[in-house]
N, C-alpha and C. Protein backbone atom coordinates (compact mmCIF):
# COMPACT_ATOMS: atom_id res chain seq x y z
N MET A 1 31.74 -71.82 -53.89
CA MET A 1 31.17 -71.99 -52.55
C MET A 1 31.82 -73.18 -51.85
N SER A 2 32.22 -72.98 -50.62
CA SER A 2 32.86 -74.04 -49.85
C SER A 2 31.82 -74.75 -48.98
N ILE A 3 31.68 -76.04 -49.19
CA ILE A 3 30.73 -76.86 -48.41
C ILE A 3 31.53 -77.82 -47.52
N TRP A 4 31.19 -77.83 -46.24
CA TRP A 4 31.81 -78.76 -45.30
C TRP A 4 30.75 -79.76 -44.84
N ALA A 5 31.15 -81.03 -44.78
CA ALA A 5 30.31 -82.06 -44.16
C ALA A 5 30.74 -82.24 -42.71
N ILE A 6 29.77 -82.29 -41.82
CA ILE A 6 30.03 -82.50 -40.39
C ILE A 6 29.39 -83.81 -39.98
N VAL A 7 30.21 -84.72 -39.47
CA VAL A 7 29.75 -86.06 -39.09
C VAL A 7 29.93 -86.23 -37.58
N PRO A 8 28.84 -86.32 -36.83
CA PRO A 8 28.96 -86.59 -35.39
C PRO A 8 29.19 -88.08 -35.16
N ALA A 9 30.03 -88.40 -34.19
CA ALA A 9 30.34 -89.80 -33.90
C ALA A 9 30.34 -90.03 -32.40
N LYS A 10 29.41 -90.86 -31.93
CA LYS A 10 29.42 -91.27 -30.53
C LYS A 10 30.63 -92.16 -30.27
N PRO A 11 31.07 -92.26 -29.02
CA PRO A 11 32.12 -93.24 -28.71
C PRO A 11 31.70 -94.63 -29.18
N PHE A 12 32.60 -95.32 -29.85
CA PHE A 12 32.26 -96.62 -30.42
C PHE A 12 31.67 -97.57 -29.38
N ARG A 13 32.19 -97.54 -28.18
CA ARG A 13 31.75 -98.48 -27.15
C ARG A 13 30.37 -98.14 -26.59
N GLU A 14 29.91 -96.92 -26.84
CA GLU A 14 28.61 -96.50 -26.30
C GLU A 14 27.53 -96.43 -27.37
N ALA A 15 27.91 -96.48 -28.62
CA ALA A 15 26.97 -96.25 -29.71
C ALA A 15 26.01 -97.43 -29.87
N LYS A 16 24.84 -97.12 -30.42
CA LYS A 16 23.83 -98.11 -30.78
C LYS A 16 23.36 -98.95 -29.59
N SER A 17 23.19 -98.30 -28.45
CA SER A 17 22.74 -99.00 -27.25
C SER A 17 21.34 -99.60 -27.43
N ARG A 18 20.53 -99.00 -28.29
CA ARG A 18 19.17 -99.53 -28.50
C ARG A 18 19.16 -100.82 -29.32
N LEU A 19 20.35 -101.23 -29.80
CA LEU A 19 20.46 -102.52 -30.49
C LEU A 19 20.96 -103.62 -29.55
N ALA A 20 20.94 -103.35 -28.24
CA ALA A 20 21.50 -104.30 -27.28
C ALA A 20 20.81 -105.66 -27.31
N SER A 21 19.53 -105.67 -27.66
CA SER A 21 18.82 -106.95 -27.71
C SER A 21 19.15 -107.76 -28.95
N ALA A 22 19.80 -107.13 -29.93
CA ALA A 22 20.08 -107.80 -31.20
C ALA A 22 21.57 -108.05 -31.43
N LEU A 23 22.43 -107.24 -30.81
CA LEU A 23 23.86 -107.34 -31.05
C LEU A 23 24.62 -107.29 -29.72
N THR A 24 25.75 -107.97 -29.67
CA THR A 24 26.62 -107.92 -28.50
C THR A 24 27.33 -106.56 -28.45
N PRO A 25 27.90 -106.19 -27.29
CA PRO A 25 28.66 -104.93 -27.24
C PRO A 25 29.78 -104.87 -28.28
N SER A 26 30.47 -105.98 -28.48
CA SER A 26 31.54 -106.01 -29.47
C SER A 26 31.00 -105.80 -30.88
N GLU A 27 29.87 -106.42 -31.18
CA GLU A 27 29.25 -106.24 -32.50
C GLU A 27 28.79 -104.81 -32.71
N ARG A 28 28.23 -104.19 -31.68
CA ARG A 28 27.78 -102.79 -31.81
C ARG A 28 28.97 -101.86 -32.02
N GLU A 29 30.07 -102.15 -31.32
CA GLU A 29 31.27 -101.33 -31.50
C GLU A 29 31.81 -101.46 -32.92
N THR A 30 31.87 -102.69 -33.42
CA THR A 30 32.33 -102.91 -34.79
C THR A 30 31.41 -102.26 -35.80
N LEU A 31 30.11 -102.36 -35.57
CA LEU A 31 29.14 -101.74 -36.48
C LEU A 31 29.33 -100.23 -36.54
N SER A 32 29.50 -99.60 -35.39
CA SER A 32 29.66 -98.15 -35.35
C SER A 32 30.94 -97.71 -36.05
N ARG A 33 32.01 -98.46 -35.84
CA ARG A 33 33.28 -98.15 -36.50
C ARG A 33 33.13 -98.29 -38.03
N THR A 34 32.49 -99.36 -38.46
CA THR A 34 32.30 -99.60 -39.89
C THR A 34 31.43 -98.52 -40.51
N PHE A 35 30.37 -98.13 -39.82
CA PHE A 35 29.50 -97.07 -40.33
C PHE A 35 30.28 -95.77 -40.56
N LEU A 36 31.13 -95.42 -39.59
CA LEU A 36 31.90 -94.18 -39.73
C LEU A 36 32.85 -94.26 -40.91
N ILE A 37 33.55 -95.38 -41.05
CA ILE A 37 34.46 -95.55 -42.19
C ILE A 37 33.70 -95.43 -43.51
N ASP A 38 32.57 -96.09 -43.61
CA ASP A 38 31.79 -96.06 -44.86
C ASP A 38 31.32 -94.64 -45.17
N THR A 39 30.88 -93.92 -44.14
CA THR A 39 30.40 -92.55 -44.35
C THR A 39 31.52 -91.65 -44.86
N LEU A 40 32.70 -91.78 -44.28
CA LEU A 40 33.83 -90.96 -44.74
C LEU A 40 34.22 -91.31 -46.18
N GLU A 41 34.12 -92.58 -46.55
CA GLU A 41 34.42 -92.97 -47.92
C GLU A 41 33.39 -92.42 -48.90
N ILE A 42 32.13 -92.41 -48.50
CA ILE A 42 31.08 -91.84 -49.35
C ILE A 42 31.34 -90.36 -49.58
N LEU A 43 31.65 -89.63 -48.51
CA LEU A 43 31.85 -88.18 -48.63
C LEU A 43 33.06 -87.85 -49.50
N LYS A 44 34.06 -88.71 -49.52
CA LYS A 44 35.21 -88.48 -50.41
C LYS A 44 34.80 -88.49 -51.88
N GLN A 45 33.70 -89.17 -52.19
CA GLN A 45 33.25 -89.28 -53.57
C GLN A 45 32.30 -88.15 -53.98
N VAL A 46 31.98 -87.27 -53.06
CA VAL A 46 31.10 -86.15 -53.35
C VAL A 46 31.96 -84.91 -53.55
N HIS A 47 32.21 -84.55 -54.81
CA HIS A 47 33.18 -83.50 -55.11
C HIS A 47 32.69 -82.12 -54.70
N GLU A 48 31.39 -81.98 -54.49
CA GLU A 48 30.86 -80.70 -54.03
C GLU A 48 31.32 -80.36 -52.61
N ILE A 49 31.72 -81.37 -51.86
CA ILE A 49 32.14 -81.18 -50.47
C ILE A 49 33.65 -80.99 -50.42
N GLN A 50 34.08 -79.85 -49.89
CA GLN A 50 35.50 -79.53 -49.85
C GLN A 50 36.21 -80.14 -48.63
N ARG A 51 35.52 -80.22 -47.50
CA ARG A 51 36.12 -80.72 -46.28
C ARG A 51 35.10 -81.56 -45.52
N THR A 52 35.59 -82.55 -44.81
CA THR A 52 34.77 -83.32 -43.88
C THR A 52 35.34 -83.16 -42.49
N LEU A 53 34.46 -82.92 -41.53
CA LEU A 53 34.86 -82.70 -40.15
C LEU A 53 34.09 -83.68 -39.26
N VAL A 54 34.79 -84.44 -38.45
CA VAL A 54 34.16 -85.37 -37.51
C VAL A 54 34.24 -84.77 -36.12
N VAL A 55 33.10 -84.74 -35.43
CA VAL A 55 33.07 -84.24 -34.05
C VAL A 55 32.71 -85.39 -33.13
N SER A 56 33.53 -85.60 -32.10
CA SER A 56 33.34 -86.74 -31.21
C SER A 56 34.12 -86.50 -29.92
N ARG A 57 33.72 -87.21 -28.88
CA ARG A 57 34.52 -87.22 -27.64
C ARG A 57 35.31 -88.51 -27.51
N ASP A 58 35.30 -89.33 -28.57
CA ASP A 58 36.00 -90.60 -28.57
C ASP A 58 37.34 -90.45 -29.29
N PRO A 59 38.47 -90.58 -28.58
CA PRO A 59 39.77 -90.46 -29.25
C PRO A 59 39.93 -91.45 -30.40
N ALA A 60 39.35 -92.65 -30.26
CA ALA A 60 39.47 -93.65 -31.33
C ALA A 60 38.75 -93.19 -32.60
N ALA A 61 37.57 -92.59 -32.44
CA ALA A 61 36.83 -92.09 -33.61
C ALA A 61 37.57 -90.92 -34.25
N LEU A 62 38.13 -90.04 -33.45
CA LEU A 62 38.86 -88.89 -33.98
C LEU A 62 40.12 -89.35 -34.71
N ARG A 63 40.81 -90.34 -34.15
CA ARG A 63 42.01 -90.86 -34.79
C ARG A 63 41.67 -91.52 -36.12
N LEU A 64 40.61 -92.32 -36.13
CA LEU A 64 40.17 -92.97 -37.37
C LEU A 64 39.85 -91.92 -38.44
N ALA A 65 39.16 -90.86 -38.03
CA ALA A 65 38.79 -89.81 -38.98
C ALA A 65 40.02 -89.14 -39.58
N ARG A 66 40.99 -88.82 -38.73
CA ARG A 66 42.21 -88.16 -39.24
C ARG A 66 42.98 -89.08 -40.17
N GLU A 67 43.01 -90.38 -39.87
CA GLU A 67 43.70 -91.34 -40.74
C GLU A 67 43.09 -91.36 -42.13
N ARG A 68 41.81 -90.98 -42.22
CA ARG A 68 41.12 -90.99 -43.51
C ARG A 68 40.95 -89.59 -44.10
N GLY A 69 41.74 -88.66 -43.60
CA GLY A 69 41.80 -87.34 -44.21
C GLY A 69 40.79 -86.33 -43.74
N ALA A 70 40.02 -86.64 -42.70
CA ALA A 70 39.03 -85.71 -42.20
C ALA A 70 39.62 -84.78 -41.14
N PHE A 71 39.05 -83.61 -41.01
CA PHE A 71 39.35 -82.73 -39.90
C PHE A 71 38.58 -83.25 -38.68
N THR A 72 39.01 -82.85 -37.48
CA THR A 72 38.32 -83.32 -36.28
C THR A 72 38.13 -82.19 -35.27
N VAL A 73 37.07 -82.32 -34.49
CA VAL A 73 36.82 -81.45 -33.35
C VAL A 73 36.50 -82.35 -32.16
N ALA A 74 37.22 -82.17 -31.06
CA ALA A 74 36.98 -82.96 -29.86
C ALA A 74 35.84 -82.35 -29.07
N GLU A 75 34.82 -83.15 -28.83
CA GLU A 75 33.67 -82.70 -28.05
C GLU A 75 34.08 -82.61 -26.58
N SER A 76 33.70 -81.51 -25.93
CA SER A 76 34.04 -81.33 -24.53
C SER A 76 32.78 -81.03 -23.73
N GLY A 77 32.89 -81.15 -22.41
CA GLY A 77 31.73 -80.90 -21.57
C GLY A 77 30.76 -82.05 -21.58
N ALA A 78 29.57 -81.80 -21.08
CA ALA A 78 28.52 -82.83 -21.04
C ALA A 78 28.12 -83.21 -22.46
N PRO A 79 27.98 -84.51 -22.74
CA PRO A 79 27.60 -84.92 -24.10
C PRO A 79 26.25 -84.35 -24.51
N GLU A 80 26.22 -83.63 -25.63
CA GLU A 80 24.97 -83.07 -26.14
C GLU A 80 25.17 -82.84 -27.63
N LEU A 81 24.42 -83.57 -28.43
CA LEU A 81 24.65 -83.58 -29.87
C LEU A 81 24.55 -82.20 -30.49
N ASN A 82 23.49 -81.47 -30.20
CA ASN A 82 23.28 -80.18 -30.87
C ASN A 82 24.35 -79.16 -30.48
N THR A 83 24.81 -79.21 -29.24
CA THR A 83 25.90 -78.33 -28.81
C THR A 83 27.19 -78.68 -29.57
N ALA A 84 27.46 -79.99 -29.70
CA ALA A 84 28.65 -80.42 -30.43
C ALA A 84 28.59 -79.99 -31.89
N LEU A 85 27.41 -80.12 -32.50
CA LEU A 85 27.26 -79.73 -33.90
C LEU A 85 27.42 -78.22 -34.08
N ALA A 86 26.91 -77.45 -33.13
CA ALA A 86 27.06 -76.00 -33.21
C ALA A 86 28.53 -75.61 -33.12
N ARG A 87 29.26 -76.27 -32.25
CA ARG A 87 30.68 -75.97 -32.13
C ARG A 87 31.42 -76.34 -33.41
N ALA A 88 31.12 -77.51 -33.96
CA ALA A 88 31.76 -77.93 -35.20
C ALA A 88 31.42 -76.97 -36.35
N THR A 89 30.19 -76.50 -36.38
CA THR A 89 29.77 -75.55 -37.41
C THR A 89 30.54 -74.23 -37.27
N ASP A 90 30.75 -73.78 -36.05
CA ASP A 90 31.54 -72.56 -35.83
C ASP A 90 32.95 -72.73 -36.37
N VAL A 91 33.53 -73.91 -36.16
CA VAL A 91 34.88 -74.18 -36.69
C VAL A 91 34.87 -74.14 -38.21
N ALA A 92 33.88 -74.80 -38.82
CA ALA A 92 33.79 -74.81 -40.28
C ALA A 92 33.62 -73.40 -40.83
N ALA A 93 32.75 -72.61 -40.22
CA ALA A 93 32.52 -71.24 -40.68
C ALA A 93 33.77 -70.39 -40.53
N HIS A 94 34.49 -70.60 -39.44
CA HIS A 94 35.73 -69.84 -39.21
C HIS A 94 36.74 -70.10 -40.32
N PHE A 95 36.76 -71.32 -40.83
CA PHE A 95 37.71 -71.67 -41.88
C PHE A 95 37.12 -71.53 -43.28
N GLY A 96 36.02 -70.79 -43.39
CA GLY A 96 35.54 -70.39 -44.71
C GLY A 96 34.38 -71.16 -45.29
N ALA A 97 33.74 -72.03 -44.51
CA ALA A 97 32.60 -72.78 -45.05
C ALA A 97 31.43 -71.84 -45.33
N HIS A 98 30.84 -71.96 -46.52
CA HIS A 98 29.65 -71.20 -46.87
C HIS A 98 28.37 -71.99 -46.63
N ALA A 99 28.52 -73.29 -46.42
CA ALA A 99 27.38 -74.17 -46.14
C ALA A 99 27.89 -75.40 -45.40
N VAL A 100 27.01 -76.02 -44.62
CA VAL A 100 27.38 -77.26 -43.94
C VAL A 100 26.33 -78.33 -44.20
N LEU A 101 26.81 -79.55 -44.28
CA LEU A 101 25.94 -80.72 -44.37
C LEU A 101 26.15 -81.56 -43.12
N ILE A 102 25.12 -81.66 -42.28
CA ILE A 102 25.18 -82.51 -41.11
C ILE A 102 24.73 -83.90 -41.54
N LEU A 103 25.63 -84.87 -41.36
CA LEU A 103 25.34 -86.22 -41.86
C LEU A 103 25.69 -87.26 -40.80
N PRO A 104 24.68 -87.88 -40.17
CA PRO A 104 24.97 -88.99 -39.26
C PRO A 104 25.64 -90.13 -40.01
N SER A 105 26.32 -91.00 -39.26
CA SER A 105 27.10 -92.05 -39.91
C SER A 105 26.37 -93.38 -40.04
N ASP A 106 25.11 -93.44 -39.57
CA ASP A 106 24.42 -94.75 -39.55
C ASP A 106 23.41 -94.88 -40.68
N LEU A 107 23.86 -94.56 -41.91
CA LEU A 107 23.00 -94.65 -43.09
C LEU A 107 23.65 -95.63 -44.07
N PRO A 108 23.53 -96.93 -43.82
CA PRO A 108 24.32 -97.92 -44.56
C PRO A 108 23.96 -98.07 -46.03
N MET A 109 22.81 -97.55 -46.47
CA MET A 109 22.43 -97.69 -47.87
C MET A 109 22.65 -96.39 -48.66
N LEU A 110 23.22 -95.39 -48.01
CA LEU A 110 23.42 -94.10 -48.66
C LEU A 110 24.43 -94.20 -49.80
N GLN A 111 24.14 -93.49 -50.89
CA GLN A 111 25.02 -93.46 -52.06
C GLN A 111 25.49 -92.02 -52.31
N PRO A 112 26.70 -91.85 -52.85
CA PRO A 112 27.19 -90.49 -53.13
C PRO A 112 26.24 -89.68 -53.99
N VAL A 113 25.58 -90.31 -54.97
CA VAL A 113 24.67 -89.57 -55.83
C VAL A 113 23.51 -88.96 -55.04
N GLU A 114 23.10 -89.61 -53.95
CA GLU A 114 22.02 -89.07 -53.14
C GLU A 114 22.49 -87.85 -52.35
N VAL A 115 23.73 -87.87 -51.88
CA VAL A 115 24.28 -86.70 -51.19
C VAL A 115 24.35 -85.52 -52.16
N ARG A 116 24.80 -85.79 -53.37
CA ARG A 116 24.85 -84.71 -54.37
C ARG A 116 23.46 -84.18 -54.69
N ALA A 117 22.47 -85.06 -54.72
CA ALA A 117 21.10 -84.63 -55.02
C ALA A 117 20.56 -83.72 -53.92
N LEU A 118 20.85 -84.04 -52.68
CA LEU A 118 20.39 -83.20 -51.58
C LEU A 118 21.00 -81.81 -51.67
N ILE A 119 22.31 -81.75 -51.90
CA ILE A 119 22.99 -80.46 -52.00
C ILE A 119 22.43 -79.66 -53.17
N ALA A 120 22.16 -80.33 -54.28
CA ALA A 120 21.69 -79.64 -55.49
C ALA A 120 20.32 -79.00 -55.30
N LEU A 121 19.52 -79.50 -54.35
CA LEU A 121 18.19 -78.93 -54.13
C LEU A 121 18.26 -77.44 -53.80
N CYS A 122 19.34 -77.02 -53.17
CA CYS A 122 19.44 -75.62 -52.75
C CYS A 122 20.12 -74.73 -53.79
N GLY A 123 20.77 -75.34 -54.77
CA GLY A 123 21.47 -74.51 -55.73
C GLY A 123 22.50 -73.65 -55.03
N GLU A 124 22.54 -72.36 -55.35
CA GLU A 124 23.48 -71.43 -54.71
C GLU A 124 22.78 -70.49 -53.74
N ARG A 125 21.52 -70.73 -53.45
CA ARG A 125 20.75 -69.78 -52.63
C ARG A 125 20.79 -70.13 -51.16
N GLU A 126 20.42 -69.17 -50.34
CA GLU A 126 20.20 -69.43 -48.92
C GLU A 126 19.07 -70.45 -48.78
N CYS A 127 19.31 -71.51 -48.02
CA CYS A 127 18.36 -72.61 -48.06
C CYS A 127 18.66 -73.61 -46.94
N VAL A 128 17.64 -74.36 -46.57
CA VAL A 128 17.78 -75.54 -45.71
C VAL A 128 17.19 -76.72 -46.46
N ALA A 129 17.95 -77.81 -46.56
CA ALA A 129 17.45 -79.04 -47.17
C ALA A 129 17.49 -80.14 -46.11
N ILE A 130 16.38 -80.83 -45.95
CA ILE A 130 16.22 -81.83 -44.90
C ILE A 130 15.91 -83.18 -45.52
N ALA A 131 16.63 -84.20 -45.05
CA ALA A 131 16.32 -85.58 -45.45
C ALA A 131 15.77 -86.31 -44.22
N PRO A 132 14.49 -86.62 -44.22
CA PRO A 132 13.91 -87.30 -43.06
C PRO A 132 14.18 -88.80 -43.10
N ASP A 133 13.99 -89.44 -41.94
CA ASP A 133 14.03 -90.89 -41.92
C ASP A 133 12.74 -91.44 -42.53
N TRP A 134 12.69 -92.76 -42.70
CA TRP A 134 11.53 -93.34 -43.39
C TRP A 134 10.24 -93.15 -42.61
N ARG A 135 10.35 -92.90 -41.30
CA ARG A 135 9.15 -92.64 -40.50
C ARG A 135 8.72 -91.17 -40.58
N ARG A 136 9.56 -90.34 -41.20
CA ARG A 136 9.36 -88.88 -41.27
C ARG A 136 9.22 -88.28 -39.88
N GLN A 137 10.07 -88.76 -38.97
CA GLN A 137 10.13 -88.22 -37.62
C GLN A 137 11.50 -87.59 -37.33
N GLY A 138 12.54 -88.31 -37.65
CA GLY A 138 13.89 -87.81 -37.40
C GLY A 138 14.49 -87.13 -38.62
N THR A 139 15.66 -86.51 -38.41
CA THR A 139 16.40 -85.86 -39.48
C THR A 139 17.65 -86.67 -39.75
N ASN A 140 17.78 -87.23 -40.95
CA ASN A 140 18.93 -88.06 -41.29
C ASN A 140 19.98 -87.32 -42.09
N ALA A 141 19.70 -86.11 -42.50
CA ALA A 141 20.71 -85.22 -43.09
C ALA A 141 20.12 -83.82 -43.09
N LEU A 142 21.00 -82.85 -42.89
CA LEU A 142 20.55 -81.45 -42.86
C LEU A 142 21.60 -80.59 -43.53
N PHE A 143 21.20 -79.93 -44.62
CA PHE A 143 22.08 -79.02 -45.35
C PHE A 143 21.63 -77.60 -45.04
N VAL A 144 22.58 -76.76 -44.63
CA VAL A 144 22.25 -75.39 -44.22
C VAL A 144 23.20 -74.42 -44.90
N ARG A 145 22.65 -73.47 -45.63
CA ARG A 145 23.42 -72.38 -46.23
C ARG A 145 22.73 -71.06 -45.91
N PRO A 146 23.45 -70.12 -45.24
CA PRO A 146 24.80 -70.23 -44.68
C PRO A 146 24.82 -71.07 -43.41
N PRO A 147 26.01 -71.40 -42.92
CA PRO A 147 26.11 -72.42 -41.87
C PRO A 147 25.31 -72.17 -40.60
N ARG A 148 25.23 -70.96 -40.13
CA ARG A 148 24.58 -70.68 -38.84
C ARG A 148 23.14 -70.19 -39.03
N ARG A 149 22.56 -70.41 -40.18
CA ARG A 149 21.26 -69.79 -40.49
C ARG A 149 20.13 -70.30 -39.60
N VAL A 150 20.14 -71.57 -39.23
CA VAL A 150 19.13 -72.10 -38.32
C VAL A 150 19.83 -72.92 -37.24
N PRO A 151 19.29 -72.96 -36.03
CA PRO A 151 19.89 -73.80 -34.98
C PRO A 151 19.60 -75.27 -35.23
N PHE A 152 20.37 -76.12 -34.60
CA PHE A 152 20.18 -77.56 -34.73
C PHE A 152 19.24 -78.06 -33.65
N ALA A 153 18.40 -79.03 -34.01
CA ALA A 153 17.41 -79.57 -33.08
C ALA A 153 17.30 -81.08 -33.25
N PHE A 154 18.43 -81.76 -33.36
CA PHE A 154 18.41 -83.21 -33.54
C PHE A 154 17.91 -83.90 -32.29
N GLY A 155 17.30 -85.07 -32.49
CA GLY A 155 16.67 -85.81 -31.42
C GLY A 155 15.30 -86.27 -31.88
N PRO A 156 14.55 -86.96 -31.01
CA PRO A 156 13.21 -87.42 -31.40
C PRO A 156 12.34 -86.27 -31.91
N GLY A 157 11.69 -86.47 -33.05
CA GLY A 157 10.82 -85.44 -33.61
C GLY A 157 11.55 -84.31 -34.29
N SER A 158 12.83 -84.52 -34.65
CA SER A 158 13.62 -83.39 -35.16
C SER A 158 13.21 -82.94 -36.55
N PHE A 159 12.58 -83.80 -37.33
CA PHE A 159 12.17 -83.38 -38.67
C PHE A 159 11.19 -82.20 -38.59
N ASP A 160 10.15 -82.32 -37.78
CA ASP A 160 9.18 -81.23 -37.63
C ASP A 160 9.83 -80.01 -37.00
N ARG A 161 10.75 -80.22 -36.05
CA ARG A 161 11.38 -79.07 -35.40
C ARG A 161 12.28 -78.31 -36.37
N HIS A 162 13.02 -79.03 -37.20
CA HIS A 162 13.86 -78.33 -38.17
C HIS A 162 13.01 -77.59 -39.20
N MET A 163 11.91 -78.19 -39.60
CA MET A 163 11.00 -77.49 -40.51
C MET A 163 10.50 -76.19 -39.88
N ALA A 164 10.08 -76.26 -38.62
CA ALA A 164 9.54 -75.09 -37.93
C ALA A 164 10.62 -74.02 -37.74
N LEU A 165 11.83 -74.43 -37.40
CA LEU A 165 12.91 -73.47 -37.20
C LEU A 165 13.24 -72.73 -38.49
N ALA A 166 13.25 -73.46 -39.61
CA ALA A 166 13.51 -72.81 -40.90
C ALA A 166 12.40 -71.82 -41.24
N ARG A 167 11.14 -72.22 -41.00
CA ARG A 167 10.03 -71.30 -41.27
C ARG A 167 10.12 -70.06 -40.39
N ASP A 168 10.48 -70.25 -39.12
CA ASP A 168 10.60 -69.11 -38.21
C ASP A 168 11.66 -68.13 -38.67
N LYS A 169 12.70 -68.63 -39.32
CA LYS A 169 13.78 -67.78 -39.81
C LYS A 169 13.54 -67.32 -41.25
N SER A 170 12.38 -67.69 -41.82
CA SER A 170 12.03 -67.32 -43.20
C SER A 170 13.06 -67.83 -44.21
N VAL A 171 13.53 -69.06 -43.98
CA VAL A 171 14.50 -69.68 -44.88
C VAL A 171 13.78 -70.70 -45.76
N PRO A 172 13.98 -70.67 -47.07
CA PRO A 172 13.38 -71.69 -47.94
C PRO A 172 13.81 -73.09 -47.51
N VAL A 173 12.87 -74.03 -47.57
CA VAL A 173 13.13 -75.41 -47.15
C VAL A 173 12.87 -76.36 -48.31
N GLU A 174 13.78 -77.30 -48.49
CA GLU A 174 13.60 -78.38 -49.47
C GLU A 174 13.62 -79.71 -48.71
N ILE A 175 12.77 -80.64 -49.14
CA ILE A 175 12.71 -81.96 -48.53
C ILE A 175 13.32 -82.97 -49.51
N CYS A 176 14.23 -83.79 -49.00
CA CYS A 176 14.90 -84.80 -49.83
C CYS A 176 14.48 -86.19 -49.37
N ASP A 177 13.56 -86.80 -50.12
CA ASP A 177 13.08 -88.15 -49.82
C ASP A 177 13.77 -89.14 -50.74
N LEU A 178 14.90 -89.65 -50.30
CA LEU A 178 15.64 -90.65 -51.07
C LEU A 178 15.92 -91.86 -50.18
N PRO A 179 15.90 -93.06 -50.73
CA PRO A 179 15.98 -94.27 -49.89
C PRO A 179 17.23 -94.36 -49.04
N GLY A 180 18.37 -93.90 -49.55
CA GLY A 180 19.60 -94.00 -48.78
C GLY A 180 19.59 -93.17 -47.52
N PHE A 181 18.86 -92.05 -47.55
CA PHE A 181 18.73 -91.22 -46.36
C PHE A 181 17.69 -91.78 -45.39
N GLY A 182 16.70 -92.46 -45.90
CA GLY A 182 15.61 -92.91 -45.05
C GLY A 182 15.96 -94.05 -44.13
N MET A 183 16.95 -94.88 -44.54
CA MET A 183 17.25 -96.10 -43.81
C MET A 183 18.37 -95.89 -42.81
N ASP A 184 18.03 -95.52 -41.56
CA ASP A 184 19.03 -95.45 -40.51
C ASP A 184 18.86 -96.65 -39.58
N ILE A 185 19.88 -96.92 -38.78
CA ILE A 185 19.88 -98.12 -37.93
C ILE A 185 19.90 -97.69 -36.47
N ASP A 186 18.73 -97.61 -35.87
CA ASP A 186 18.62 -97.25 -34.46
C ASP A 186 18.04 -98.37 -33.61
N LEU A 187 17.08 -99.09 -34.19
CA LEU A 187 16.32 -100.08 -33.44
C LEU A 187 16.50 -101.46 -34.07
N PRO A 188 16.23 -102.54 -33.31
CA PRO A 188 16.35 -103.88 -33.88
C PRO A 188 15.54 -104.06 -35.16
N GLU A 189 14.35 -103.45 -35.25
CA GLU A 189 13.56 -103.60 -36.46
C GLU A 189 14.23 -102.90 -37.66
N ASP A 190 14.98 -101.82 -37.39
CA ASP A 190 15.74 -101.18 -38.46
C ASP A 190 16.82 -102.12 -38.99
N LEU A 191 17.47 -102.82 -38.06
CA LEU A 191 18.52 -103.76 -38.45
C LEU A 191 17.95 -104.89 -39.28
N GLU A 192 16.79 -105.40 -38.90
CA GLU A 192 16.16 -106.47 -39.67
C GLU A 192 15.74 -105.98 -41.05
N MET A 193 15.24 -104.76 -41.13
CA MET A 193 14.85 -104.20 -42.43
C MET A 193 16.08 -104.06 -43.32
N PHE A 194 17.17 -103.60 -42.74
CA PHE A 194 18.40 -103.45 -43.52
C PHE A 194 18.90 -104.81 -44.02
N ARG A 195 18.87 -105.80 -43.15
CA ARG A 195 19.30 -107.14 -43.56
C ARG A 195 18.45 -107.67 -44.71
N ALA A 196 17.13 -107.42 -44.65
CA ALA A 196 16.25 -107.87 -45.72
C ALA A 196 16.56 -107.16 -47.03
N LYS A 197 16.79 -105.84 -46.95
CA LYS A 197 17.11 -105.09 -48.15
C LYS A 197 18.46 -105.53 -48.73
N LEU A 198 19.42 -105.81 -47.84
CA LEU A 198 20.72 -106.26 -48.29
C LEU A 198 20.62 -107.62 -48.96
N HIS A 199 19.78 -108.49 -48.42
CA HIS A 199 19.57 -109.81 -49.02
C HIS A 199 18.95 -109.67 -50.42
N ASP A 200 17.96 -108.79 -50.55
CA ASP A 200 17.31 -108.56 -51.84
C ASP A 200 18.31 -107.99 -52.85
N TRP A 201 19.14 -107.05 -52.38
CA TRP A 201 20.12 -106.42 -53.26
C TRP A 201 21.13 -107.45 -53.76
N ARG A 202 21.61 -108.30 -52.86
CA ARG A 202 22.58 -109.31 -53.27
C ARG A 202 21.93 -110.31 -54.24
N GLY A 203 20.66 -110.63 -53.99
CA GLY A 203 19.97 -111.53 -54.89
C GLY A 203 19.81 -110.95 -56.27
N ALA A 204 19.55 -109.64 -56.33
CA ALA A 204 19.41 -108.99 -57.63
C ALA A 204 20.72 -108.90 -58.38
């Protein structure tokens, strides 16, 4: 079975706008670039994933992805995450993907073993596996086999929406509650929580 990881990437200069009170524009740009690099390195260590595809409208993000061996899709038209993901999924399916893993790049504590655990929840069957954020509101990873089996509904409240969409399509759903998936960086309080966890980890 061929599994493709799809990583959406906002333009570095526009990403993480909700951290404006905590970080300068230059710091947010650097953070976004670092997150993308780290995510691509993690995916290289997950042997179950045959290809990684980055979708973005930022030429710098696409160039960075290609330099690290990823395929790329240039987002066109009005910026809309779910539309971009659907287009990237069509590309992956066209080139033989039997399943896709949608993985945002802002999960700084994610480990390769956790990605493998999420994929393993579905085995070889038709399935949707969802990793919620720690608030159990958003979707921080979504595994779908086959690729077009359910539509994407990322955005506020996406965890419940993805659950409902899978039920509507009569697709088995697995929930993956692992710490690396739960910790995303969207708000200043997320950044402070990450800094505290990083401090504890270094101390240990």
